[in-house]
Each structure stands twice: as structure tokens, then as C-alpha cells.
């Protein structure tokens, strides 16, 4: 009986936190999606403080989900030197991934699954659930079809090993982040969207085939 009460209290706390976060995002939605990163950087007393402020925005993004990723990458690329911009963006991504992962651990698997089912991006993640395969984590991050924060939330909820999760996530996201940081919107001119879509469409069945083969091999070995 006591155990049931504890679980009920935990559930109520999770629901209250999630509801409070939803209300906060709803009330500040337009402000969040229009954050002026360059103005924030220019008003900072030092480059270190500016970098810290940007990383803080990334951490906030990992909790509220609505801040546009490309806006951050490009704005940071315009506000800092190329090397500094790439470093700030990668550190920011690490903060974002960590916050979303921790929030997923806090909410728990069942609640996160229900939350993800409400969006198309979340359904893609659930359909692609091979969470024990860290090659899949890398591939999910590499392909720009899976929302970063939703996937982090999911990986946290299923208690994926954090060191491997953060490593493979950063490796998968690095090419995209660096390209947007250095090239901005020009990345779409150099790499046409049609080509990106074709690569994605070709990669998904290939990845699915690899996963199936791996599952078959593991079953054969376990016999």
C-alpha cells in the first residue's frame, strides 16, 4: 500500500512539472522562437560570458523544445569567429542533450511514450526503437528527420547508458551543426534539399536492414 502511494505521489509530481512546463512554454512561445542570439551576445560583457549565455539557451531548448535549432546554429556562427562558434555550438548541443535526457529520466518511460505519440516526430522515434543499439543512436542523430529533443527525451526515459548516449549523439550531430555554423543558409545552396531527401530515403531502409541482420545474428548466437 505504501509503495502504491509513493508511486502515485511520484506520478502526480511528474504530471505537475510537465503541466507547469507546458503552460510556461505556451505563455512565452513567441518570445522563445524569436530569441535574438546576436543581440544577447553583443550585450555580454565578455566573449566567455556570451558563450555561457548561448549554452544556457541550448539548455533551455532541451527543456522547452520549441527554440529553432537552425536559428541557434546560424546566429552563433554569425556572432563568433568560426572556431569559437563551432565550439560554443557543440558545447551547447551537449548541454541540450543532457537536459532533455535528464528530463526523460525524470518523467519515466510510460509517460514519455504517451507524450511522443502525440507528434509525428515522436511517432518516428517510437517506430525506430532499437535503443540498445548505439549505432542506431548515431544514425538517428545523423539523419535530420528525427527531432533532437524528442529523441533525447526518449533515450533518457529508457535509461540508455549516458556516456555512450552523449558520445554517439555528439558524433552524429557534429556534421550538421558544423555545416550550419560555418555556412548558414548557404548549406542548402551547396547541398540541395532534394539530394538530402534522397540520401535520407536511401539510408533509412539500409539502416533498417542492418538492424534486422544484427537481430538475426544475435538470436542465432544466443541459441
Protein backbone atom coordinates (compact mmCIF):
# COMPACT_ATOMS: atom_id res chain seq x y z
CA UNK A 1 0.00 0.00 0.00
CA UNK A 2 2.81 2.42 0.95
CA UNK A 3 4.62 1.58 -2.27
CA UNK A 4 1.49 2.40 -4.30
CA UNK A 5 1.16 5.75 -2.52
CA UNK A 6 4.78 6.60 -3.29
CA UNK A 7 4.28 5.76 -6.95
CA UNK A 8 1.11 7.86 -7.04
CA UNK A 9 2.90 10.83 -5.47
CA UNK A 10 5.76 10.49 -7.96
CA UNK A 11 3.27 10.39 -10.83
CA UNK A 12 1.46 13.49 -9.56
CA UNK A 13 4.76 15.38 -9.24
CA UNK A 14 5.75 14.41 -12.79
CA UNK A 15 2.39 15.50 -14.16
CA UNK A 16 2.54 18.82 -12.30
CA UNK A 17 6.05 19.55 -13.57
CA UNK A 18 5.07 18.63 -17.13
CA UNK A 19 1.91 20.76 -16.91
CA UNK A 20 3.82 23.74 -15.48
CA UNK A 21 6.39 23.47 -18.26
CA UNK A 22 3.66 23.28 -20.91
CA UNK A 23 1.96 26.40 -19.54
CA UNK A 24 5.27 28.28 -19.36
CA UNK A 25 6.06 27.41 -22.98
CA UNK A 26 2.55 28.35 -24.14
CA UNK A 27 2.74 31.75 -22.43
CA UNK A 28 6.21 32.53 -23.79
CA UNK A 29 6.03 30.74 -27.14
CA UNK A 30 6.64 33.73 -29.44
CA UNK A 31 9.45 35.01 -27.24
CA UNK A 32 11.14 31.61 -27.25
CA UNK A 33 11.01 31.06 -31.02
CA UNK A 34 12.31 34.57 -31.69
CA UNK A 35 15.25 34.71 -29.28
CA UNK A 36 17.77 37.25 -30.59
CA UNK A 37 21.03 35.39 -30.02
CA UNK A 38 23.20 38.02 -31.70
CA UNK A 39 21.79 40.80 -29.52
CA UNK A 40 22.38 38.67 -26.44
CA UNK A 41 25.99 38.02 -27.47
CA UNK A 42 26.68 41.68 -28.29
CA UNK A 43 25.36 42.80 -24.90
CA UNK A 44 27.51 40.32 -22.94
CA UNK A 45 30.50 41.82 -21.07
CA UNK A 46 32.95 39.26 -22.50
CA UNK A 47 33.19 36.50 -25.07
CA UNK A 48 33.22 33.92 -22.27
CA UNK A 49 30.01 35.35 -20.82
CA UNK A 50 28.46 35.41 -24.30
CA UNK A 51 29.36 31.76 -24.84
CA UNK A 52 27.93 30.85 -21.45
CA UNK A 53 24.68 32.67 -22.28
CA UNK A 54 24.35 30.77 -25.56
CA UNK A 55 24.98 27.45 -23.82
CA UNK A 56 22.26 28.46 -21.34
CA UNK A 57 19.84 28.97 -24.25
CA UNK A 58 20.71 25.50 -25.53
CA UNK A 59 20.00 24.05 -22.08
CA UNK A 60 16.64 25.86 -22.08
CA UNK A 61 15.92 24.46 -25.55
CA UNK A 62 16.48 20.96 -24.17
CA UNK A 63 13.64 21.59 -21.74
CA UNK A 64 11.09 23.57 -23.77
CA UNK A 65 11.75 22.02 -27.25
CA UNK A 66 10.39 24.97 -29.28
CA UNK A 67 13.52 27.08 -29.87
CA UNK A 68 14.54 26.56 -33.54
CA UNK A 69 17.85 24.68 -33.78
CA UNK A 70 18.93 26.22 -37.11
CA UNK A 71 18.34 29.69 -35.64
CA UNK A 72 20.89 28.96 -32.93
CA UNK A 73 23.49 27.37 -35.21
CA UNK A 74 23.41 30.20 -37.74
CA UNK A 75 23.16 33.05 -35.21
CA UNK A 76 26.11 31.72 -33.23
CA UNK A 77 28.07 31.32 -36.46
CA UNK A 78 27.49 35.00 -37.23
CA UNK A 79 28.25 36.22 -33.70
CA UNK A 80 31.58 34.45 -33.08
CA UNK A 81 34.70 33.54 -35.02
CA UNK A 82 34.36 30.20 -36.89
CA UNK A 83 36.37 28.10 -34.42
CA UNK A 84 34.74 29.67 -31.36
CA UNK A 85 31.28 29.38 -32.93
CA UNK A 86 31.74 25.65 -33.59
CA UNK A 87 33.00 25.09 -30.04
CA UNK A 88 30.12 27.07 -28.49
CA UNK A 89 27.53 25.26 -30.60
CA UNK A 90 28.91 21.81 -29.77
CA UNK A 91 29.07 22.63 -26.04
CA UNK A 92 25.53 23.98 -26.30
CA UNK A 93 24.35 20.82 -28.03
CA UNK A 94 25.94 18.76 -25.24
CA UNK A 95 24.03 20.83 -22.66
CA UNK A 96 20.79 20.44 -24.62
CA UNK A 97 21.22 16.68 -24.96
CA UNK A 98 21.96 16.36 -21.24
CA UNK A 99 18.94 18.39 -20.09
CA UNK A 100 16.49 16.51 -22.35
CA UNK A 101 17.97 13.17 -21.27
CA UNK A 102 17.62 14.02 -17.56
CA UNK A 103 14.06 15.24 -18.12
CA UNK A 104 13.26 11.95 -19.86
CA UNK A 105 14.68 10.02 -16.89
CA UNK A 106 12.55 12.15 -14.57
CA UNK A 107 9.31 11.64 -16.49
CA UNK A 108 9.79 7.90 -16.97
CA UNK A 109 9.22 5.58 -19.91
CA UNK A 110 5.41 5.27 -19.89
CA UNK A 111 4.76 9.00 -19.68
CA UNK A 112 7.34 9.83 -22.35
CA UNK A 113 5.86 7.21 -24.70
CA UNK A 114 2.41 8.81 -24.37
CA UNK A 115 3.96 12.24 -24.92
CA UNK A 116 5.82 11.15 -28.05
CA UNK A 117 2.71 9.52 -29.54
CA UNK A 118 1.11 12.98 -29.79
CA UNK A 119 3.51 14.19 -32.50
CA UNK A 120 4.65 12.84 -35.87
CA UNK A 121 8.28 13.27 -34.89
CA UNK A 122 7.71 11.36 -31.68
CA UNK A 123 6.00 8.52 -33.53
CA UNK A 124 9.03 8.19 -35.82
CA UNK A 125 11.23 7.72 -32.77
CA UNK A 126 8.95 5.05 -31.28
CA UNK A 127 8.81 3.22 -34.62
CA UNK A 128 12.59 3.29 -34.80
CA UNK A 129 13.07 1.92 -31.28
CA UNK A 130 16.29 -0.02 -31.17
CA UNK A 131 17.57 1.80 -28.11
CA UNK A 132 20.16 -0.80 -27.13
CA UNK A 133 21.99 -0.37 -30.42
CA UNK A 134 24.35 2.61 -30.16
CA UNK A 135 24.95 2.55 -33.91
CA UNK A 136 21.25 3.39 -34.17
CA UNK A 137 21.74 6.33 -31.81
CA UNK A 138 24.44 7.67 -34.14
CA UNK A 139 22.26 7.15 -37.21
CA UNK A 140 19.21 8.78 -35.62
CA UNK A 141 21.32 11.83 -34.83
CA UNK A 142 22.95 11.89 -38.25
CA UNK A 143 19.66 11.87 -40.18
CA UNK A 144 17.80 15.21 -39.93
CA UNK A 145 14.39 13.53 -39.76
CA UNK A 146 14.33 12.80 -36.02
CA UNK A 147 13.75 15.74 -33.63
CA UNK A 148 16.79 16.18 -31.36
CA UNK A 149 14.95 16.91 -28.12
CA UNK A 150 12.25 14.25 -28.53
CA UNK A 151 14.87 11.58 -29.16
CA UNK A 152 16.87 12.73 -26.13
CA UNK A 153 13.72 12.58 -24.03
CA UNK A 154 13.07 9.05 -25.23
CA UNK A 155 16.65 7.83 -24.67
CA UNK A 156 16.54 9.23 -21.15
CA UNK A 157 13.22 7.56 -20.40
CA UNK A 158 14.54 4.12 -21.40
CA UNK A 159 17.67 4.77 -19.27
CA UNK A 160 20.17 4.41 -22.07
CA UNK A 161 23.80 4.48 -20.87
CA UNK A 162 24.53 8.21 -20.63
CA UNK A 163 28.26 8.22 -21.60
CA UNK A 164 27.60 6.22 -24.78
CA UNK A 165 24.41 8.17 -25.48
CA UNK A 166 26.15 11.54 -25.31
CA UNK A 167 29.18 10.33 -27.30
CA UNK A 168 27.24 8.83 -30.21
CA UNK A 169 24.76 11.71 -30.19
CA UNK A 170 27.50 14.33 -30.49
CA UNK A 171 29.28 12.35 -33.21
CA UNK A 172 26.05 12.07 -35.21
CA UNK A 173 25.08 15.73 -34.81
CA UNK A 174 28.55 17.25 -35.34
CA UNK A 175 28.49 17.33 -39.18
CA UNK A 176 25.12 19.10 -39.28
CA UNK A 177 26.00 21.58 -36.54
CA UNK A 178 29.39 22.47 -38.03
CA UNK A 179 27.95 22.88 -41.55
CA UNK A 180 25.20 25.23 -40.38
CA UNK A 181 27.62 27.13 -38.14
CA UNK A 182 30.11 27.80 -40.93
CA UNK A 183 27.81 28.08 -43.95
CA UNK A 184 24.48 29.22 -42.53
CA UNK A 185 21.59 29.11 -45.00
CA UNK A 186 24.09 28.60 -47.84
CA UNK A 187 24.29 24.94 -46.87
CA UNK A 188 21.03 24.44 -48.81
CA UNK A 189 22.61 26.02 -51.90
CA UNK A 190 25.71 23.81 -51.72
CA UNK A 191 23.76 20.68 -50.76
CA UNK A 192 20.30 20.81 -52.42
CA UNK A 193 17.36 19.71 -50.26
CA UNK A 194 16.38 17.20 -52.96
CA UNK A 195 19.76 15.48 -52.54
CA UNK A 196 19.39 15.46 -48.75
CA UNK A 197 15.95 13.83 -49.04
CA UNK A 198 17.27 11.18 -51.44
CA UNK A 199 20.14 10.35 -49.09
CA UNK A 200 17.72 10.03 -46.17
CA UNK A 201 15.32 7.83 -48.15
CA UNK A 202 18.21 5.57 -49.16
CA UNK A 203 19.75 5.46 -45.68
CA UNK A 204 16.61 4.51 -43.74
CA UNK A 205 15.94 1.11 -45.43
CA UNK A 206 19.68 0.40 -45.41
CA UNK A 207 19.82 1.08 -41.67
CA UNK A 208 16.68 -0.96 -41.07
CA UNK A 209 18.25 -3.88 -42.96
CA UNK A 210 21.40 -3.68 -40.85
CA UNK A 211 19.33 -3.71 -37.66
CA UNK A 212 17.33 -6.75 -38.81
CA UNK A 213 20.53 -8.60 -39.76
CA UNK A 214 22.05 -7.76 -36.40
CA UNK A 215 18.96 -9.03 -34.57
CA UNK A 216 19.02 -12.29 -36.55
CA UNK A 217 22.73 -12.80 -35.89
CA UNK A 218 22.31 -12.14 -32.17
CA UNK A 219 19.44 -14.65 -31.98
CA UNK A 220 21.46 -17.29 -33.81
CA UNK A 221 24.42 -16.75 -31.49
CA UNK A 222 22.22 -16.99 -28.39
CA UNK A 223 20.98 -20.47 -29.38
